[in-house]
Amino acid sequence: MDYKFPVTRTTHPKARPEDESKLGFARYFTDHMFVMDWDEGLGWHDGRVVPHEPILIEPASCVLHYAQMMFEGMKAYRTPEGEILLFRPDMNAKRMARTCERMCMPELPEDLFLAAIKAVVTEDADWIPTSPGTALYIRPFMFGDEVSFSVLPAKHYRFLIILSPTGSYYAANDGGLHATRIYVQDKYIRAAKGGTGYAKVGGNYGGGMRASQDAMKYDCKDVLWLDAAEHKYVEEIGTSNAFFVFKDEVVTAPLDSGTILPGITRDSVIQLLRSWGVKVSERKLSIDDVIEGSKTGDLKEIFASGTAAVISPIGTLNVQGTDYVVSGGKVGELSQKLYDNLYGMQTGTVPDTMGWTYKLGLTVK
């Protein structure tokens, strides 16, 4: 279906960030956003591109009391020729549908989802940065804003897309890839079987902030979660999926428990490694085995994967106040290779042999 959305352009355009090396993550927002409504009996309607500005919401809206909301995260990239690319947006659309089903929210058809993204990115395409490690972060989100205190699915929803030119999620002074410190959390849990761990919902992140504060006490950037039942098996990192590189095997937590977010970069890493002939196992891995591997040297690398970070090498795990160093605390060879290939595909500097990039059909010089 060919969707056409009306555009209301801002009368007060913002100044572009002058130094792309200091973009950070979600510090700046573009001039426009996409907005669309859903009503019971009517479906999705009135999609439009409007100026990025505060929105009005009734204090009794159900989202403020019962958290019926979801979000996605993706990026737009500019190739050296100025062509604009998305990376596997069909996977975002499918994950969004799974989240909406779990949260009793209306599904957004994939073609409508992509048309909305194209509309707002097209309007603000000149905001897409060009420096190494940068991109235009795309944040689609949906929430129920029916005025109701009934603990039932809302009858009205709003879907929005906002955009932010960003640098590295784990910012480094030189913009390059650096190994980070991660805190192993053995007190709180992120998700339990039967919960919303596989869905991209705000509550998963809000509930993890206490653990993130604990991590900061140990000068750690994020948290490595353990399983809810035994606090024994590694699951995922606060904002990313986790991979552990042993001598002849790369291990990541399986998705079958429903407690792991099915990351799009996670899937890309697995497929890319297997295409290189690397053994990848989706299986349970205990934190004791990780610690032992660090001591013996059998654990060669740890890295996180996600839309925001792409690939984030981990040089140190802090477990109950004790540091365990991996790869000498430096960026590992496999982590660097994965980053170079994934980011290279995303920006058009490495051939996309997997068919993952999606051309928006516009060029910005």
Protein backbone atom coordinates (compact mmCIF):
# COMPACT_ATOMS: atom_id res chain seq x y z
CA MET A 1 0.00 0.00 0.00
CA ASP A 2 1.23 3.49 -0.88
CA TYR A 3 0.86 5.64 2.23
CA LYS A 4 0.86 9.43 2.03
CA PHE A 5 1.28 11.46 5.21
CA PRO A 6 0.74 15.21 5.55
CA VAL A 7 3.77 17.19 6.72
CA THR A 8 3.69 20.25 8.97
CA ARG A 9 7.17 21.73 8.95
CA THR A 10 8.63 23.47 11.93
CA THR A 11 8.84 27.24 11.89
CA HIS A 12 11.72 27.16 14.37
CA PRO A 13 14.41 24.80 13.00
CA LYS A 14 17.10 23.82 15.47
CA ALA A 15 20.80 24.40 15.06
CA ARG A 16 22.66 21.25 14.03
CA PRO A 17 25.29 19.92 16.45
CA GLU A 18 28.61 21.34 15.30
CA ASP A 19 30.95 18.67 16.70
CA GLU A 20 29.84 15.15 15.72
CA SER A 21 32.49 13.65 18.00
CA LYS A 22 30.44 14.90 20.96
CA LEU A 23 26.97 13.74 19.92
CA GLY A 24 26.70 11.20 22.73
CA PHE A 25 23.51 9.15 22.80
CA ALA A 26 20.06 10.81 22.62
CA ARG A 27 21.34 14.27 23.58
CA TYR A 28 19.93 15.99 20.49
CA PHE A 29 16.63 15.56 18.65
CA THR A 30 15.69 16.51 15.10
CA ASP A 31 13.08 19.03 13.98
CA HIS A 32 10.21 16.63 13.29
CA MET A 33 8.42 13.54 14.55
CA PHE A 34 5.78 11.13 13.28
CA VAL A 35 2.43 10.79 15.08
CA MET A 36 -0.49 8.42 14.44
CA ASP A 37 -3.61 7.40 16.37
CA TRP A 38 -5.51 4.15 16.88
CA ASP A 39 -9.11 3.88 18.03
CA GLU A 40 -11.14 0.78 18.76
CA GLY A 41 -13.39 0.12 15.79
CA LEU A 42 -11.45 2.48 13.53
CA GLY A 43 -7.88 1.19 13.60
CA TRP A 44 -4.83 3.26 12.69
CA HIS A 45 -5.56 6.69 11.27
CA ASP A 46 -4.29 10.25 10.81
CA GLY A 47 -0.58 9.52 10.40
CA ARG A 48 1.32 12.78 10.06
CA VAL A 49 4.77 14.36 10.30
CA VAL A 50 4.77 17.33 12.65
CA PRO A 51 7.34 19.48 14.52
CA HIS A 52 9.10 17.71 17.39
CA GLU A 53 7.54 19.27 20.46
CA PRO A 54 6.06 18.32 23.85
CA ILE A 55 2.80 16.39 23.74
CA LEU A 56 -0.27 16.86 25.89
CA ILE A 57 -1.49 13.90 27.92
CA GLU A 58 -4.36 13.61 30.38
CA PRO A 59 -3.05 12.83 33.91
CA ALA A 60 -5.52 9.95 34.15
CA SER A 61 -4.19 8.28 30.98
CA CYS A 62 -3.79 4.57 31.59
CA VAL A 63 -0.14 4.49 30.46
CA LEU A 64 0.84 6.67 33.41
CA HIS A 65 -0.71 4.25 35.85
CA TYR A 66 -0.47 0.79 34.29
CA ALA A 67 2.47 1.18 31.87
CA GLN A 68 0.81 -0.15 28.74
CA MET A 69 3.55 0.90 26.34
CA MET A 70 6.29 -0.43 24.09
CA PHE A 71 9.16 0.91 22.00
CA GLU A 72 11.66 -0.06 19.34
CA GLY A 73 15.16 1.11 18.47
CA MET A 74 16.85 1.27 15.07
CA LYS A 75 19.16 3.51 13.06
CA ALA A 76 19.48 5.24 9.70
CA TYR A 77 22.95 5.47 8.17
CA ARG A 78 24.45 7.61 5.41
CA THR A 79 26.79 5.93 2.93
CA PRO A 80 29.84 7.77 1.52
CA GLU A 81 27.71 8.43 -1.58
CA GLY A 82 24.95 10.01 0.53
CA GLU A 83 22.48 7.13 0.20
CA ILE A 84 20.34 6.49 3.31
CA LEU A 85 20.17 2.92 4.65
CA LEU A 86 18.24 1.11 7.37
CA PHE A 87 19.46 -2.17 8.85
CA ARG A 88 17.00 -5.10 8.90
CA PRO A 89 13.91 -2.95 9.62
CA ASP A 90 11.66 -5.95 8.91
CA MET A 91 13.07 -7.52 12.08
CA ASN A 92 12.09 -4.45 14.10
CA ALA A 93 8.57 -4.66 12.69
CA LYS A 94 8.28 -8.35 13.61
CA ARG A 95 9.63 -7.80 17.13
CA MET A 96 7.26 -4.88 17.57
CA ALA A 97 4.35 -7.15 16.62
CA ARG A 98 5.42 -9.72 19.24
CA THR A 99 5.69 -7.02 21.89
CA CYS A 100 2.29 -5.59 21.01
CA GLU A 101 0.72 -9.04 21.24
CA ARG A 102 2.23 -9.54 24.70
CA MET A 103 1.06 -6.11 25.87
CA CYS A 104 -2.47 -6.39 24.38
CA MET A 105 -1.77 -3.48 22.04
CA PRO A 106 -2.81 -3.10 18.37
CA GLU A 107 -0.37 -4.46 15.82
CA LEU A 108 1.12 -2.03 13.33
CA PRO A 109 1.34 -3.56 9.82
CA GLU A 110 4.91 -3.86 8.58
CA ASP A 111 4.33 -1.75 5.47
CA LEU A 112 2.74 1.03 7.53
CA PHE A 113 5.63 0.87 10.03
CA LEU A 114 8.22 1.25 7.26
CA ALA A 115 6.25 4.00 5.51
CA ALA A 116 6.07 6.00 8.74
CA ILE A 117 9.81 5.66 9.31
CA LYS A 118 10.57 6.68 5.73
CA ALA A 119 8.30 9.72 6.00
CA VAL A 120 9.93 11.22 9.07
CA VAL A 121 13.51 10.24 8.18
CA THR A 122 13.05 11.77 4.73
CA GLU A 123 11.97 15.04 6.33
CA ASP A 124 15.03 15.18 8.62
CA ALA A 125 17.55 13.30 6.47
CA ASP A 126 20.04 16.17 6.60
CA TRP A 127 20.38 15.48 10.35
CA ILE A 128 22.04 12.12 9.68
CA PRO A 129 25.67 12.48 10.80
CA THR A 130 28.59 11.32 8.69
CA SER A 131 31.48 10.88 11.16
CA PRO A 132 32.73 7.34 11.95
CA GLY A 133 30.63 5.60 14.59
CA THR A 134 27.64 7.91 14.18
CA ALA A 135 24.09 7.37 12.91
CA LEU A 136 20.55 8.70 13.20
CA TYR A 137 18.86 6.83 16.03
CA ILE A 138 15.17 6.08 15.38
CA ARG A 139 12.86 5.58 18.36
CA PRO A 140 9.34 4.32 17.45
CA PHE A 141 7.07 3.95 20.47
CA MET A 142 3.43 3.35 21.32
CA PHE A 143 1.31 3.90 24.41
CA GLY A 144 -2.28 3.70 25.52
CA ASP A 145 -3.67 7.07 26.59
CA GLU A 146 -7.31 6.24 27.24
CA VAL A 147 -8.56 8.03 30.35
CA SER A 148 -9.31 5.02 32.50
CA PHE A 149 -8.36 3.38 35.78
CA SER A 150 -9.63 -0.01 34.60
CA VAL A 151 -6.82 -2.54 34.37
CA LEU A 152 -7.81 -3.43 30.80
CA PRO A 153 -6.31 -2.76 27.36
CA ALA A 154 -6.82 0.83 26.26
CA LYS A 155 -9.25 1.82 23.52
CA HIS A 156 -7.01 4.58 22.17
CA TYR A 157 -3.28 4.49 21.40
CA ARG A 158 -0.71 6.89 20.07
CA PHE A 159 2.25 5.83 17.93
CA LEU A 160 5.19 8.22 17.57
CA ILE A 161 8.64 8.19 16.01
CA ILE A 162 11.35 10.58 17.18
CA LEU A 163 14.87 10.90 15.81
CA SER A 164 18.25 11.65 17.36
CA PRO A 165 21.70 11.99 15.76
CA THR A 166 23.98 9.89 17.95
CA GLY A 167 27.49 8.70 18.47
CA SER A 168 28.60 5.67 20.45
CA TYR A 169 26.32 4.48 23.28
CA TYR A 170 29.40 3.84 25.42
CA ALA A 171 31.10 7.06 24.45
CA ALA A 172 34.88 7.15 24.19
CA ASN A 173 36.93 10.29 23.86
CA ASP A 174 38.29 9.32 20.46
CA GLY A 175 35.05 7.81 19.14
CA GLY A 176 36.66 4.38 18.70
CA LEU A 177 35.92 0.94 20.10
CA HIS A 178 36.94 0.49 23.74
CA ALA A 179 36.52 -2.33 26.25
CA THR A 180 34.07 -1.58 29.06
CA ARG A 181 33.56 -2.71 32.66
CA ILE A 182 30.36 -4.65 33.47
CA TYR A 183 28.88 -5.45 36.88
CA VAL A 184 27.42 -8.93 37.46
CA GLN A 185 24.09 -8.52 39.22
CA ASP A 186 23.19 -11.36 41.60
CA LYS A 187 20.58 -9.65 43.80
CA TYR A 188 17.91 -8.26 41.49
CA ILE A 189 16.45 -9.87 38.36
CA ARG A 190 15.56 -8.48 34.97
CA ALA A 191 12.95 -11.01 33.85
CA ALA A 192 11.42 -14.34 34.83
CA LYS A 193 9.90 -17.08 32.72
CA GLY A 194 6.38 -16.12 31.70
CA GLY A 195 7.09 -12.40 32.08
CA THR A 196 7.90 -9.68 29.56
CA GLY A 197 11.62 -10.34 29.13
CA TYR A 198 11.31 -11.00 25.39
CA ALA A 199 9.21 -7.86 24.83
CA LYS A 200 10.62 -4.36 24.38
CA VAL A 201 8.71 -2.55 27.11
CA GLY A 202 9.68 0.28 29.43
CA GLY A 203 9.11 -1.67 32.63
CA ASN A 204 11.99 -4.01 31.82
CA TYR A 205 14.34 -1.03 31.84
CA GLY A 206 12.77 0.95 34.67
CA GLY A 207 13.02 -2.10 36.90
CA GLY A 208 16.72 -2.39 36.10
CA MET A 209 17.76 1.08 37.19
CA ARG A 210 18.50 0.08 40.78
CA ALA A 211 20.94 -2.52 39.50
CA SER A 212 22.52 0.06 37.18
CA GLN A 213 23.12 2.33 40.15
CA ASP A 214 24.85 -0.53 41.94
CA ALA A 215 27.06 -0.99 38.87
CA MET A 216 28.15 2.63 38.95
CA LYS A 217 29.50 2.17 42.47
CA TYR A 218 32.07 -0.17 40.95
CA ASP A 219 32.82 2.13 37.99
CA CYS A 220 30.92 -0.19 35.65
CA LYS A 221 28.97 0.93 32.59
CA ASP A 222 26.18 -1.64 32.76
CA VAL A 223 24.86 -4.84 34.33
CA LEU A 224 25.16 -8.49 33.36
CA TRP A 225 21.95 -10.15 34.52
CA LEU A 226 21.76 -13.69 35.85
CA ASP A 227 18.72 -15.95 35.62
CA ALA A 228 15.81 -15.33 37.98
CA ALA A 229 15.44 -18.89 39.27
CA GLU A 230 18.97 -19.72 40.47
CA HIS A 231 21.07 -16.55 39.97
CA LYS A 232 23.49 -18.88 38.26
CA TYR A 233 23.30 -18.58 34.47
CA VAL A 234 24.25 -15.50 32.47
CA GLU A 235 21.42 -13.96 30.50
CA GLU A 236 21.90 -10.52 28.97
CA ILE A 237 23.41 -7.12 29.61
CA GLY A 238 21.14 -4.21 30.56
CA THR A 239 20.91 -2.75 27.07
CA SER A 240 22.38 -5.57 24.98
CA ASN A 241 22.74 -9.29 24.41
CA ALA A 242 25.93 -10.94 25.70
CA PHE A 243 28.43 -13.22 23.93
CA PHE A 244 31.30 -15.20 25.46
CA VAL A 245 34.18 -16.34 23.28
CA PHE A 246 35.91 -19.50 24.45
CA LYS A 247 38.74 -21.34 22.68
CA ASP A 248 36.60 -23.05 20.02
CA GLU A 249 33.10 -21.76 20.69
CA VAL A 250 31.08 -18.55 21.01
CA VAL A 251 28.29 -18.87 23.57
CA THR A 252 25.17 -16.75 24.07
CA ALA A 253 22.06 -17.33 26.17
CA PRO A 254 19.16 -19.16 24.47
CA LEU A 255 15.83 -17.48 23.77
CA ASP A 256 13.62 -20.43 24.75
CA SER A 257 12.95 -19.22 28.31
CA GLY A 258 11.34 -16.00 27.09
CA THR A 259 13.55 -13.95 29.42
CA ILE A 260 15.98 -12.72 26.75
CA LEU A 261 15.25 -9.90 24.32
CA PRO A 262 15.64 -11.30 20.78
CA GLY A 263 18.09 -8.68 19.61
CA ILE A 264 18.36 -7.93 15.91
CA THR A 265 22.09 -7.36 16.24
CA ARG A 266 22.26 -10.61 18.25
CA ASP A 267 20.74 -12.52 15.34
CA SER A 268 23.06 -10.74 12.90
CA VAL A 269 26.13 -11.65 14.97
CA ILE A 270 25.11 -15.31 15.11
CA GLN A 271 24.48 -15.50 11.37
CA LEU A 272 27.69 -13.66 10.52
CA LEU A 273 29.85 -15.83 12.79
CA ARG A 274 28.39 -19.02 11.37
CA SER A 275 28.99 -17.76 7.84
CA TRP A 276 32.67 -17.41 8.85
CA GLY A 277 32.75 -21.00 10.10
CA VAL A 278 32.77 -20.05 13.80
CA LYS A 279 30.92 -22.39 16.16
CA VAL A 280 28.09 -20.56 17.94
CA SER A 281 26.11 -22.20 20.73
CA GLU A 282 22.87 -20.82 22.17
CA ARG A 283 23.00 -22.53 25.52
CA LYS A 284 23.07 -21.94 29.25
CA LEU A 285 26.39 -20.74 30.62
CA SER A 286 27.03 -20.38 34.34
CA ILE A 287 28.78 -17.37 35.81
CA ASP A 288 31.10 -19.84 37.56
CA ASP A 289 32.26 -21.12 34.16
CA VAL A 290 32.79 -17.55 32.99
CA ILE A 291 34.93 -16.77 36.05
CA GLU A 292 36.91 -19.98 35.64
CA GLY A 293 37.46 -19.20 31.96
CA SER A 294 38.83 -15.79 32.90
CA LYS A 295 41.24 -17.38 35.37
CA THR A 296 42.49 -20.08 32.99
CA GLY A 297 42.53 -17.95 29.86
CA ASP A 298 40.04 -20.20 28.06
CA LEU A 299 37.63 -17.25 27.94
CA LYS A 300 39.14 -15.15 25.18
CA GLU A 301 36.58 -12.34 24.80
CA ILE A 302 33.23 -11.03 26.00
CA PHE A 303 31.19 -8.58 23.98
CA ALA A 304 27.71 -7.11 23.95
CA SER A 305 25.56 -6.59 20.86
CA GLY A 306 22.72 -4.15 20.32
CA THR A 307 21.33 -1.43 18.08
CA ALA A 308 22.71 1.37 20.22
CA ALA A 309 26.18 -0.08 20.83
CA VAL A 310 26.45 -2.34 17.73
CA ILE A 311 29.35 -4.30 19.28
CA SER A 312 30.68 -3.32 22.70
CA PRO A 313 33.75 -5.27 23.91
CA ILE A 314 33.87 -6.06 27.63
CA GLY A 315 37.30 -6.12 29.22
CA THR A 316 36.35 -6.59 32.86
CA LEU A 317 33.56 -8.31 34.79
CA ASN A 318 33.05 -7.23 38.38
CA VAL A 319 31.59 -10.04 40.49
CA GLN A 320 30.76 -9.16 44.10
CA GLY A 321 33.50 -6.52 44.11
CA THR A 322 36.18 -8.65 42.46
CA ASP A 323 37.41 -7.84 38.95
CA TYR A 324 37.90 -10.60 36.39
CA VAL A 325 39.78 -9.40 33.32
CA VAL A 326 39.19 -10.79 29.84
CA SER A 327 41.33 -10.25 26.73
CA GLY A 328 43.78 -8.25 28.81
CA GLY A 329 41.09 -5.63 29.33
CA LYS A 330 41.34 -4.70 25.65
CA VAL A 331 39.23 -5.03 22.52
CA GLY A 332 39.34 -8.60 21.24
CA GLU A 333 40.08 -9.59 17.65
CA LEU A 334 36.65 -11.12 17.02
CA SER A 335 34.81 -8.17 18.60
CA GLN A 336 36.67 -5.76 16.33
CA LYS A 337 36.02 -7.89 13.23
CA LEU A 338 32.30 -8.10 13.99
CA TYR A 339 32.06 -4.36 14.57
CA ASP A 340 33.98 -3.52 11.40
CA ASN A 341 31.77 -5.79 9.28
CA LEU A 342 28.40 -4.90 10.83
CA TYR A 343 28.97 -1.15 10.93
CA GLY A 344 30.58 -1.38 7.52
CA MET A 345 27.47 -3.04 6.07
CA GLN A 346 25.24 -0.51 7.78
CA THR A 347 27.12 2.44 6.30
CA GLY A 348 27.76 0.92 2.89
CA THR A 349 31.55 0.68 3.25
CA VAL A 350 31.55 -3.14 3.42
CA PRO A 351 29.62 -5.27 0.90
CA ASP A 352 26.31 -6.50 2.32
CA THR A 353 26.66 -10.19 1.57
CA MET A 354 23.68 -11.05 3.82
CA GLY A 355 21.04 -8.86 2.17
CA TRP A 356 20.33 -6.95 5.40
CA THR A 357 20.43 -3.31 4.34
CA TYR A 358 17.25 -1.52 3.26
CA LYS A 359 17.52 1.49 0.96
CA LEU A 360 15.14 4.34 1.74
CA GLY A 361 15.37 5.61 -1.82
CA LEU A 362 16.80 9.03 -1.01
CA THR A 363 20.22 10.59 -1.20
CA VAL A 364 21.64 13.40 0.94
CA LYS A 365 24.90 15.05 -0.04
